[in-house]
């Protein structure tokens, strides 16, 4: 995966894919993440604190910025599966995206090399599937149940990580409540 001098990853392409005859060196990666997902936001925050060998640009998936930069991507799919785009147009999704992101990090490049083996890829896939299952369990009525910020239930209860649970009775405006 390394180029001489440790300057980039080579994505192997075929003549049909790009008209290229060799590899393409990656000098920067854009990570598209779901900004409404608490786990995804946590991982974004973790990534920005890591020493990077290849610069990572973290962009909310489906955002105007993502759509402008990558008009050819299926942006609804980027909300379901982590997507990483290389500076030469390489697209990595799911397990391969996480391996490439780890490869970009100084302290995690050796792990990325281990995960890029057949056995390592199976392990990485298991971790990605576990994260996806957790994310799926957090979704409720088409939206996020709780993503690390305020969680509100329709019965008036809400939870904020900094203050805990509180109750606000539903409003009776518009005659929605019975008077008894």
N, C-alpha and C. Protein backbone atom coordinates (compact mmCIF):
# COMPACT_ATOMS: atom_id res chain seq x y z
N UNK A 1 0.81 -1.20 0.00
CA UNK A 1 0.00 0.00 0.00
C UNK A 1 0.86 1.26 0.00
N UNK A 2 2.03 1.23 0.58
CA UNK A 2 2.88 2.41 0.64
C UNK A 2 3.62 2.63 -0.66
N UNK A 3 3.82 3.88 -0.99
CA UNK A 3 4.69 4.28 -2.07
C UNK A 3 6.06 4.56 -1.48
N UNK A 4 7.12 4.60 -2.29
CA UNK A 4 8.43 4.97 -1.74
C UNK A 4 8.33 6.28 -1.00
N UNK A 5 8.91 6.33 0.16
CA UNK A 5 8.85 7.53 0.99
C UNK A 5 7.59 7.61 1.82
N UNK A 6 6.70 6.60 1.74
CA UNK A 6 5.49 6.59 2.56
C UNK A 6 4.51 7.69 2.23
N UNK A 7 4.43 8.09 0.95
CA UNK A 7 3.64 9.26 0.61
C UNK A 7 2.21 8.96 0.19
N UNK A 8 1.81 7.74 -0.03
CA UNK A 8 0.42 7.53 -0.43
C UNK A 8 0.08 6.08 -0.60
N UNK A 9 -1.22 5.82 -0.75
CA UNK A 9 -1.70 4.46 -1.00
C UNK A 9 -1.91 4.33 -2.50
N UNK A 10 -1.70 3.17 -3.02
CA UNK A 10 -1.95 2.94 -4.44
C UNK A 10 -3.24 2.17 -4.58
N UNK A 11 -4.17 2.75 -5.30
CA UNK A 11 -5.41 2.06 -5.61
C UNK A 11 -5.22 1.41 -6.97
N UNK A 12 -5.31 0.11 -7.03
CA UNK A 12 -5.11 -0.58 -8.29
C UNK A 12 -6.35 -0.36 -9.15
N UNK A 13 -6.14 0.09 -10.35
CA UNK A 13 -7.25 0.33 -11.27
C UNK A 13 -7.05 -0.51 -12.51
N UNK A 14 -8.11 -0.71 -13.25
CA UNK A 14 -8.00 -1.42 -14.52
C UNK A 14 -8.21 -0.44 -15.65
N UNK A 15 -7.82 -0.84 -16.83
CA UNK A 15 -7.97 0.00 -18.00
C UNK A 15 -9.44 0.40 -18.18
N UNK A 16 -10.35 -0.52 -17.87
CA UNK A 16 -11.78 -0.23 -18.03
C UNK A 16 -12.25 0.81 -17.00
N UNK A 17 -11.65 0.81 -15.80
CA UNK A 17 -12.09 1.72 -14.76
C UNK A 17 -11.69 3.16 -15.05
N UNK A 18 -10.46 3.40 -15.44
CA UNK A 18 -9.94 4.75 -15.56
C UNK A 18 -9.15 5.03 -16.81
N UNK A 19 -8.86 4.03 -17.58
CA UNK A 19 -7.96 4.24 -18.69
C UNK A 19 -6.52 4.33 -18.20
N UNK A 20 -6.27 3.91 -16.98
CA UNK A 20 -4.93 3.97 -16.41
C UNK A 20 -4.22 2.65 -16.63
N UNK A 21 -2.91 2.70 -16.67
CA UNK A 21 -2.14 1.47 -16.84
C UNK A 21 -1.46 1.06 -15.56
N UNK A 22 -1.55 1.85 -14.50
CA UNK A 22 -0.89 1.50 -13.25
C UNK A 22 -1.72 1.97 -12.07
N UNK A 23 -1.07 2.08 -10.94
CA UNK A 23 -1.74 2.52 -9.72
C UNK A 23 -1.90 4.03 -9.67
N UNK A 24 -2.74 4.48 -8.76
CA UNK A 24 -2.99 5.90 -8.55
C UNK A 24 -2.61 6.21 -7.12
N UNK A 25 -1.74 7.17 -6.92
CA UNK A 25 -1.29 7.52 -5.58
C UNK A 25 -2.32 8.42 -4.90
N UNK A 26 -2.63 8.11 -3.64
CA UNK A 26 -3.58 8.89 -2.85
C UNK A 26 -2.80 9.86 -1.97
N UNK A 27 -3.10 11.14 -2.09
CA UNK A 27 -2.43 12.16 -1.28
C UNK A 27 -3.40 12.86 -0.34
N UNK A 28 -4.68 12.52 -0.43
CA UNK A 28 -5.69 13.08 0.45
C UNK A 28 -6.97 12.25 0.34
N UNK A 29 -7.71 12.19 1.43
CA UNK A 29 -8.95 11.42 1.47
C UNK A 29 -10.07 12.28 2.05
N UNK A 30 -11.24 12.16 1.47
CA UNK A 30 -12.43 12.80 2.01
C UNK A 30 -13.30 11.71 2.61
N UNK A 31 -13.61 11.85 3.90
CA UNK A 31 -14.45 10.88 4.61
C UNK A 31 -15.84 11.48 4.71
N UNK A 32 -16.81 10.81 4.09
CA UNK A 32 -18.21 11.22 4.17
C UNK A 32 -18.86 10.45 5.30
N UNK A 33 -19.35 11.16 6.31
CA UNK A 33 -19.91 10.50 7.50
C UNK A 33 -21.30 11.08 7.77
N UNK A 34 -22.12 10.33 8.48
CA UNK A 34 -23.47 10.76 8.83
C UNK A 34 -23.39 11.67 10.06
N UNK A 35 -23.56 12.96 9.86
CA UNK A 35 -23.43 13.94 10.94
C UNK A 35 -24.54 13.82 11.98
N UNK A 36 -25.64 13.14 11.66
CA UNK A 36 -26.74 12.98 12.59
C UNK A 36 -26.59 11.74 13.48
N UNK A 37 -25.59 10.95 13.21
CA UNK A 37 -25.35 9.71 13.96
C UNK A 37 -24.33 9.97 15.06
N UNK A 38 -24.69 9.66 16.30
CA UNK A 38 -23.80 9.89 17.43
C UNK A 38 -22.50 9.12 17.31
N UNK A 39 -22.56 7.85 16.88
CA UNK A 39 -21.36 7.05 16.70
C UNK A 39 -20.47 7.66 15.62
N UNK A 40 -21.08 8.06 14.52
CA UNK A 40 -20.32 8.64 13.41
C UNK A 40 -19.65 9.95 13.84
N UNK A 41 -20.38 10.79 14.58
CA UNK A 41 -19.81 12.06 15.06
C UNK A 41 -18.67 11.80 16.04
N UNK A 42 -18.83 10.79 16.89
CA UNK A 42 -17.77 10.42 17.82
C UNK A 42 -16.51 9.99 17.06
N UNK A 43 -16.69 9.15 16.05
CA UNK A 43 -15.55 8.69 15.26
C UNK A 43 -14.91 9.84 14.48
N UNK A 44 -15.72 10.78 13.99
CA UNK A 44 -15.18 11.97 13.32
C UNK A 44 -14.29 12.73 14.29
N UNK A 45 -14.78 12.96 15.50
CA UNK A 45 -13.99 13.68 16.50
C UNK A 45 -12.69 12.94 16.83
N UNK A 46 -12.76 11.61 16.90
CA UNK A 46 -11.57 10.80 17.16
C UNK A 46 -10.58 10.93 16.00
N UNK A 47 -11.08 10.89 14.77
CA UNK A 47 -10.20 10.99 13.61
C UNK A 47 -9.45 12.31 13.55
N UNK A 48 -10.11 13.41 13.88
CA UNK A 48 -9.42 14.70 13.79
C UNK A 48 -8.32 14.84 14.83
N UNK A 49 -8.37 14.05 15.89
CA UNK A 49 -7.33 14.09 16.93
C UNK A 49 -6.13 13.19 16.60
N UNK A 50 -6.26 12.35 15.59
CA UNK A 50 -5.20 11.40 15.27
C UNK A 50 -4.16 12.03 14.34
N UNK A 51 -2.87 11.72 14.57
CA UNK A 51 -1.83 12.16 13.62
C UNK A 51 -2.06 11.47 12.27
N UNK A 52 -2.07 12.26 11.21
CA UNK A 52 -2.41 11.75 9.89
C UNK A 52 -1.19 11.75 8.96
N UNK A 53 -0.97 10.63 8.31
CA UNK A 53 0.05 10.55 7.27
C UNK A 53 -0.51 11.02 5.93
N UNK A 54 -1.79 10.80 5.74
CA UNK A 54 -2.52 11.28 4.56
C UNK A 54 -3.64 12.15 5.11
N UNK A 55 -3.73 13.41 4.66
CA UNK A 55 -4.76 14.30 5.19
C UNK A 55 -6.18 13.77 4.96
N UNK A 56 -6.99 13.88 6.02
CA UNK A 56 -8.40 13.50 5.97
C UNK A 56 -9.25 14.76 6.01
N UNK A 57 -10.17 14.87 5.08
CA UNK A 57 -11.16 15.95 5.09
C UNK A 57 -12.48 15.30 5.44
N UNK A 58 -13.05 15.67 6.59
CA UNK A 58 -14.28 15.04 7.07
C UNK A 58 -15.46 15.92 6.68
N UNK A 59 -16.36 15.37 5.87
CA UNK A 59 -17.48 16.11 5.30
C UNK A 59 -18.77 15.37 5.61
N UNK A 60 -19.79 16.07 6.13
CA UNK A 60 -21.07 15.40 6.36
C UNK A 60 -21.65 14.82 5.07
N UNK A 61 -22.00 13.56 5.10
CA UNK A 61 -22.60 12.89 3.95
C UNK A 61 -23.94 13.55 3.61
N UNK A 62 -24.22 13.66 2.34
CA UNK A 62 -25.48 14.23 1.90
C UNK A 62 -25.56 15.75 2.02
N UNK A 63 -24.51 16.39 2.52
CA UNK A 63 -24.53 17.85 2.69
C UNK A 63 -24.35 18.54 1.33
N UNK A 64 -24.65 19.83 1.30
CA UNK A 64 -24.44 20.61 0.07
C UNK A 64 -22.97 20.55 -0.36
N UNK A 65 -22.07 20.60 0.63
CA UNK A 65 -20.64 20.53 0.33
C UNK A 65 -20.28 19.20 -0.32
N UNK A 66 -20.81 18.09 0.21
CA UNK A 66 -20.54 16.77 -0.37
C UNK A 66 -21.11 16.66 -1.78
N UNK A 67 -22.32 17.16 -1.97
CA UNK A 67 -22.97 17.09 -3.29
C UNK A 67 -22.21 17.92 -4.32
N UNK A 68 -21.70 19.07 -3.89
CA UNK A 68 -20.95 19.92 -4.81
C UNK A 68 -19.61 19.30 -5.20
N UNK A 69 -18.94 18.69 -4.24
CA UNK A 69 -17.63 18.09 -4.50
C UNK A 69 -17.70 16.79 -5.28
N UNK A 70 -18.77 16.01 -5.05
CA UNK A 70 -18.88 14.69 -5.66
C UNK A 70 -20.26 14.51 -6.29
N UNK A 71 -20.54 15.23 -7.38
CA UNK A 71 -21.88 15.16 -7.97
C UNK A 71 -22.24 13.78 -8.51
N UNK A 72 -21.28 12.93 -8.80
CA UNK A 72 -21.56 11.62 -9.36
C UNK A 72 -21.87 10.54 -8.34
N UNK A 73 -21.73 10.84 -7.05
CA UNK A 73 -21.99 9.84 -6.00
C UNK A 73 -23.47 9.70 -5.72
N UNK A 74 -23.87 8.52 -5.28
CA UNK A 74 -25.22 8.30 -4.76
C UNK A 74 -25.19 8.78 -3.31
N UNK A 75 -25.61 9.99 -3.06
CA UNK A 75 -25.47 10.60 -1.74
C UNK A 75 -26.40 9.99 -0.69
N UNK A 76 -27.50 9.41 -1.10
CA UNK A 76 -28.32 8.72 -0.10
C UNK A 76 -27.60 7.47 0.40
N UNK A 77 -26.83 6.80 -0.46
CA UNK A 77 -26.07 5.63 -0.05
C UNK A 77 -24.94 6.01 0.91
N UNK A 78 -24.39 7.23 0.77
CA UNK A 78 -23.30 7.64 1.65
C UNK A 78 -23.79 7.85 3.08
N UNK A 79 -25.09 8.04 3.26
CA UNK A 79 -25.65 8.16 4.61
C UNK A 79 -25.80 6.80 5.27
N UNK A 80 -25.88 5.75 4.47
CA UNK A 80 -26.05 4.40 5.00
C UNK A 80 -24.73 3.68 5.25
N UNK A 81 -23.72 4.01 4.48
CA UNK A 81 -22.45 3.30 4.55
C UNK A 81 -21.32 4.31 4.44
N UNK A 82 -20.38 4.26 5.38
CA UNK A 82 -19.27 5.19 5.33
C UNK A 82 -18.61 5.10 3.96
N UNK A 83 -18.33 6.26 3.39
CA UNK A 83 -17.74 6.35 2.06
C UNK A 83 -16.53 7.25 2.14
N UNK A 84 -15.44 6.83 1.52
CA UNK A 84 -14.21 7.62 1.47
C UNK A 84 -13.85 7.82 0.01
N UNK A 85 -13.52 9.07 -0.35
CA UNK A 85 -13.16 9.38 -1.72
C UNK A 85 -11.72 9.88 -1.73
N UNK A 86 -10.90 9.24 -2.57
CA UNK A 86 -9.51 9.66 -2.73
C UNK A 86 -9.42 10.88 -3.63
N UNK A 87 -8.30 11.58 -3.55
CA UNK A 87 -8.14 12.81 -4.32
C UNK A 87 -8.05 12.58 -5.83
N UNK A 88 -7.90 11.34 -6.26
CA UNK A 88 -7.91 11.03 -7.69
C UNK A 88 -9.21 10.36 -8.11
N UNK A 89 -10.21 10.41 -7.24
CA UNK A 89 -11.53 9.88 -7.56
C UNK A 89 -11.80 8.47 -7.10
N UNK A 90 -10.86 7.84 -6.40
CA UNK A 90 -11.10 6.49 -5.88
C UNK A 90 -12.23 6.55 -4.87
N UNK A 91 -13.09 5.54 -4.88
CA UNK A 91 -14.21 5.49 -3.95
C UNK A 91 -14.12 4.18 -3.17
N UNK A 92 -14.12 4.30 -1.85
CA UNK A 92 -14.07 3.15 -0.95
C UNK A 92 -15.33 3.20 -0.10
N UNK A 93 -15.96 2.05 0.11
CA UNK A 93 -17.18 1.98 0.92
C UNK A 93 -17.04 0.90 1.98
N UNK A 94 -17.77 1.08 3.09
CA UNK A 94 -17.85 0.06 4.12
C UNK A 94 -16.51 -0.35 4.69
N UNK A 95 -16.25 -1.64 4.68
CA UNK A 95 -15.04 -2.20 5.28
C UNK A 95 -13.79 -1.60 4.66
N UNK A 96 -13.76 -1.51 3.34
CA UNK A 96 -12.58 -0.97 2.66
C UNK A 96 -12.37 0.50 3.01
N UNK A 97 -13.45 1.23 3.21
CA UNK A 97 -13.32 2.64 3.60
C UNK A 97 -12.64 2.76 4.96
N UNK A 98 -13.04 1.91 5.92
CA UNK A 98 -12.42 1.98 7.25
C UNK A 98 -10.95 1.58 7.21
N UNK A 99 -10.62 0.58 6.40
CA UNK A 99 -9.23 0.17 6.29
C UNK A 99 -8.40 1.31 5.69
N UNK A 100 -8.91 1.98 4.67
CA UNK A 100 -8.19 3.10 4.06
C UNK A 100 -8.03 4.25 5.05
N UNK A 101 -9.06 4.53 5.84
CA UNK A 101 -8.95 5.60 6.84
C UNK A 101 -7.88 5.25 7.87
N UNK A 102 -7.87 4.02 8.34
CA UNK A 102 -6.83 3.60 9.30
C UNK A 102 -5.45 3.70 8.66
N UNK A 103 -5.35 3.37 7.38
CA UNK A 103 -4.08 3.46 6.66
C UNK A 103 -3.56 4.90 6.64
N UNK A 104 -4.48 5.87 6.63
CA UNK A 104 -4.08 7.28 6.59
C UNK A 104 -3.55 7.78 7.93
N UNK A 105 -3.79 7.03 9.00
CA UNK A 105 -3.40 7.47 10.35
C UNK A 105 -2.04 6.88 10.73
N UNK A 106 -1.16 7.74 11.23
CA UNK A 106 0.20 7.32 11.57
C UNK A 106 0.23 6.12 12.51
N UNK A 107 -0.51 6.18 13.59
CA UNK A 107 -0.44 5.14 14.61
C UNK A 107 -1.23 3.88 14.24
N UNK A 108 -2.04 3.94 13.20
CA UNK A 108 -2.90 2.81 12.86
C UNK A 108 -2.59 2.20 11.50
N UNK A 109 -1.55 2.70 10.82
CA UNK A 109 -1.20 2.13 9.52
C UNK A 109 -0.83 0.65 9.62
N UNK A 110 -0.05 0.23 10.63
CA UNK A 110 0.24 -1.22 10.72
C UNK A 110 -1.04 -2.06 10.87
N UNK A 111 -2.00 -1.56 11.63
CA UNK A 111 -3.27 -2.27 11.77
C UNK A 111 -3.98 -2.35 10.42
N UNK A 112 -3.96 -1.27 9.66
CA UNK A 112 -4.60 -1.26 8.34
C UNK A 112 -3.97 -2.32 7.44
N UNK A 113 -2.66 -2.46 7.51
CA UNK A 113 -2.00 -3.49 6.70
C UNK A 113 -2.46 -4.89 7.12
N UNK A 114 -2.60 -5.11 8.42
CA UNK A 114 -3.09 -6.42 8.89
C UNK A 114 -4.54 -6.65 8.47
N UNK A 115 -5.35 -5.60 8.52
CA UNK A 115 -6.77 -5.73 8.15
C UNK A 115 -6.96 -5.87 6.65
N UNK A 116 -5.95 -5.54 5.86
CA UNK A 116 -6.09 -5.66 4.40
C UNK A 116 -5.83 -7.08 3.91
N UNK A 117 -5.44 -8.00 4.80
CA UNK A 117 -5.30 -9.41 4.43
C UNK A 117 -6.68 -10.05 4.40
N UNK A 118 -6.83 -11.21 3.77
CA UNK A 118 -8.15 -11.86 3.76
C UNK A 118 -8.73 -12.08 5.16
N UNK A 119 -7.91 -12.58 6.09
CA UNK A 119 -8.41 -12.81 7.45
C UNK A 119 -8.72 -11.49 8.14
N UNK A 120 -7.86 -10.50 7.95
CA UNK A 120 -8.07 -9.20 8.57
C UNK A 120 -9.32 -8.51 8.03
N UNK A 121 -9.56 -8.66 6.73
CA UNK A 121 -10.75 -8.05 6.14
C UNK A 121 -12.02 -8.65 6.73
N UNK A 122 -12.02 -9.94 7.00
CA UNK A 122 -13.19 -10.57 7.64
C UNK A 122 -13.41 -9.97 9.03
N UNK A 123 -12.33 -9.77 9.77
CA UNK A 123 -12.44 -9.15 11.09
C UNK A 123 -12.96 -7.72 10.99
N UNK A 124 -12.40 -6.95 10.06
CA UNK A 124 -12.85 -5.57 9.87
C UNK A 124 -14.31 -5.53 9.45
N UNK A 125 -14.70 -6.45 8.59
CA UNK A 125 -16.11 -6.51 8.16
C UNK A 125 -17.03 -6.77 9.34
N UNK A 126 -16.61 -7.65 10.25
CA UNK A 126 -17.40 -7.91 11.45
C UNK A 126 -17.57 -6.66 12.29
N UNK A 127 -16.51 -5.87 12.43
CA UNK A 127 -16.60 -4.63 13.20
C UNK A 127 -17.52 -3.63 12.51
N UNK A 128 -17.43 -3.52 11.20
CA UNK A 128 -18.29 -2.60 10.45
C UNK A 128 -19.75 -3.04 10.56
N UNK A 129 -20.00 -4.34 10.46
CA UNK A 129 -21.38 -4.83 10.59
C UNK A 129 -21.93 -4.60 12.00
N UNK A 130 -21.08 -4.76 13.02
CA UNK A 130 -21.53 -4.50 14.39
C UNK A 130 -21.89 -3.03 14.55
N UNK A 131 -21.07 -2.14 14.00
CA UNK A 131 -21.38 -0.70 14.07
C UNK A 131 -22.67 -0.39 13.33
N UNK A 132 -22.86 -1.01 12.17
CA UNK A 132 -24.09 -0.79 11.40
C UNK A 132 -25.31 -1.28 12.16
N UNK A 133 -25.17 -2.41 12.83
CA UNK A 133 -26.29 -2.94 13.61
C UNK A 133 -26.62 -1.98 14.76
N UNK A 134 -25.60 -1.47 15.44
CA UNK A 134 -25.82 -0.50 16.51
C UNK A 134 -26.51 0.75 15.97
N UNK A 135 -26.03 1.25 14.84
CA UNK A 135 -26.65 2.43 14.22
C UNK A 135 -28.10 2.17 13.90
N UNK A 136 -28.39 0.97 13.35
CA UNK A 136 -29.77 0.61 13.00
C UNK A 136 -30.66 0.57 14.22
N UNK A 137 -30.11 0.14 15.36
CA UNK A 137 -30.91 0.09 16.59
C UNK A 137 -31.21 1.48 17.12
N UNK A 138 -30.44 2.47 16.72
CA UNK A 138 -30.64 3.84 17.19
C UNK A 138 -31.68 4.59 16.36
N UNK A 139 -32.04 4.03 15.20
CA UNK A 139 -33.01 4.70 14.33
C UNK A 139 -34.42 4.40 14.82
N UNK A 140 -35.27 5.43 14.76
CA UNK A 140 -36.65 5.29 15.20
C UNK A 140 -37.53 6.21 14.35
N UNK A 141 -38.57 5.66 13.75
CA UNK A 141 -39.50 6.45 12.92
C UNK A 141 -38.77 7.22 11.83
N UNK A 142 -37.78 6.60 11.20
CA UNK A 142 -37.09 7.25 10.09
C UNK A 142 -36.04 8.25 10.53
N UNK A 143 -35.85 8.46 11.82
CA UNK A 143 -34.84 9.40 12.28
C UNK A 143 -34.00 8.76 13.36
N UNK A 144 -33.09 9.51 13.90
CA UNK A 144 -32.22 8.96 14.94
C UNK A 144 -32.91 9.01 16.28
N UNK A 145 -32.88 7.89 16.98
CA UNK A 145 -33.46 7.77 18.31
C UNK A 145 -32.66 8.60 19.30
N UNK A 146 -31.38 8.41 19.29
CA UNK A 146 -30.52 9.23 20.16
C UNK A 146 -29.14 9.24 19.56
N UNK A 147 -28.61 10.40 19.28
CA UNK A 147 -27.31 10.51 18.64
C UNK A 147 -26.33 11.28 19.47
N UNK A 148 -26.47 11.27 20.80
CA UNK A 148 -25.51 11.97 21.64
C UNK A 148 -25.97 13.36 22.03
N UNK A 149 -27.05 13.85 21.43
CA UNK A 149 -27.57 15.16 21.81
C UNK A 149 -28.92 14.94 22.48
N UNK A 150 -29.83 15.88 22.37
CA UNK A 150 -31.12 15.75 23.02
C UNK A 150 -31.96 14.67 22.35
N UNK A 151 -32.54 13.83 23.16
CA UNK A 151 -33.44 12.77 22.70
C UNK A 151 -34.82 13.11 23.23
N UNK A 152 -35.80 13.22 22.32
CA UNK A 152 -37.16 13.57 22.73
C UNK A 152 -38.12 12.45 22.37
N UNK A 153 -39.01 12.16 23.32
CA UNK A 153 -40.08 11.20 23.06
C UNK A 153 -41.37 11.96 22.87
N UNK A 154 -42.32 11.36 22.18
CA UNK A 154 -43.59 12.01 21.91
C UNK A 154 -44.43 12.20 23.15
N UNK A 155 -44.14 11.47 24.23
CA UNK A 155 -44.95 11.61 25.44
C UNK A 155 -44.50 12.77 26.33
N UNK A 156 -43.53 13.57 25.86
CA UNK A 156 -43.11 14.75 26.62
C UNK A 156 -41.79 14.60 27.35
N UNK A 157 -41.26 13.38 27.47
CA UNK A 157 -39.98 13.17 28.14
C UNK A 157 -38.85 13.46 27.17
N UNK A 158 -37.78 14.07 27.67
CA UNK A 158 -36.60 14.30 26.86
C UNK A 158 -35.35 14.05 27.71
N UNK A 159 -34.28 13.71 27.03
CA UNK A 159 -33.02 13.44 27.72
C UNK A 159 -31.92 14.27 27.09
N UNK A 160 -31.17 14.97 27.94
CA UNK A 160 -29.97 15.70 27.51
C UNK A 160 -28.81 15.14 28.30
N UNK A 161 -27.70 14.82 27.63
CA UNK A 161 -26.57 14.23 28.34
C UNK A 161 -26.05 15.10 29.48
N UNK A 162 -26.16 16.42 29.35
CA UNK A 162 -25.61 17.30 30.39
C UNK A 162 -26.56 17.51 31.58
N UNK A 163 -27.88 17.32 31.39
CA UNK A 163 -28.82 17.58 32.48
C UNK A 163 -29.68 16.38 32.86
N UNK A 164 -29.72 15.35 32.02
CA UNK A 164 -30.53 14.17 32.32
C UNK A 164 -31.94 14.26 31.77
N UNK A 165 -32.85 13.48 32.36
CA UNK A 165 -34.24 13.41 31.91
C UNK A 165 -35.04 14.59 32.43
N UNK A 166 -35.97 15.08 31.61
CA UNK A 166 -36.92 16.11 32.05
C UNK A 166 -38.25 15.86 31.35
N UNK A 167 -39.30 16.43 31.93
CA UNK A 167 -40.64 16.24 31.37
C UNK A 167 -41.26 17.59 31.07
N UNK A 168 -41.78 17.72 29.86
CA UNK A 168 -42.52 18.90 29.46
C UNK A 168 -43.86 18.41 28.93
N UNK A 169 -44.96 18.72 29.66
CA UNK A 169 -46.26 18.21 29.20
C UNK A 169 -46.57 18.71 27.79
N UNK A 170 -47.25 17.87 27.00
CA UNK A 170 -47.63 18.30 25.66
C UNK A 170 -48.49 19.57 25.73
N UNK A 171 -48.35 20.41 24.74
CA UNK A 171 -49.10 21.67 24.68
C UNK A 171 -50.56 21.41 24.38
N UNK A 172 -51.43 22.22 24.96
CA UNK A 172 -52.85 22.13 24.68
C UNK A 172 -53.32 23.20 23.72
N UNK A 173 -52.40 23.83 23.04
CA UNK A 173 -52.77 24.87 22.09
C UNK A 173 -53.61 24.28 20.95
N UNK A 174 -54.51 25.04 20.45
CA UNK A 174 -55.36 24.60 19.36
C UNK A 174 -56.46 23.64 19.81
N UNK A 175 -56.71 23.51 21.14
CA UNK A 175 -57.76 22.65 21.65
C UNK A 175 -57.46 21.17 21.54
N UNK A 176 -56.15 20.83 21.47
CA UNK A 176 -55.75 19.43 21.31
C UNK A 176 -55.97 18.63 22.57
N UNK A 177 -56.05 19.27 23.75
CA UNK A 177 -56.21 18.54 25.01
C UNK A 177 -57.66 18.59 25.46
N UNK A 178 -58.09 17.51 26.07
CA UNK A 178 -59.44 17.49 26.67
C UNK A 178 -59.43 18.28 27.97
N UNK A 179 -60.56 18.85 28.31
CA UNK A 179 -60.63 19.65 29.54
C UNK A 179 -61.24 18.86 30.69
N UNK A 180 -61.55 17.62 30.48
CA UNK A 180 -61.95 16.77 31.57
C UNK A 180 -63.36 16.70 31.81
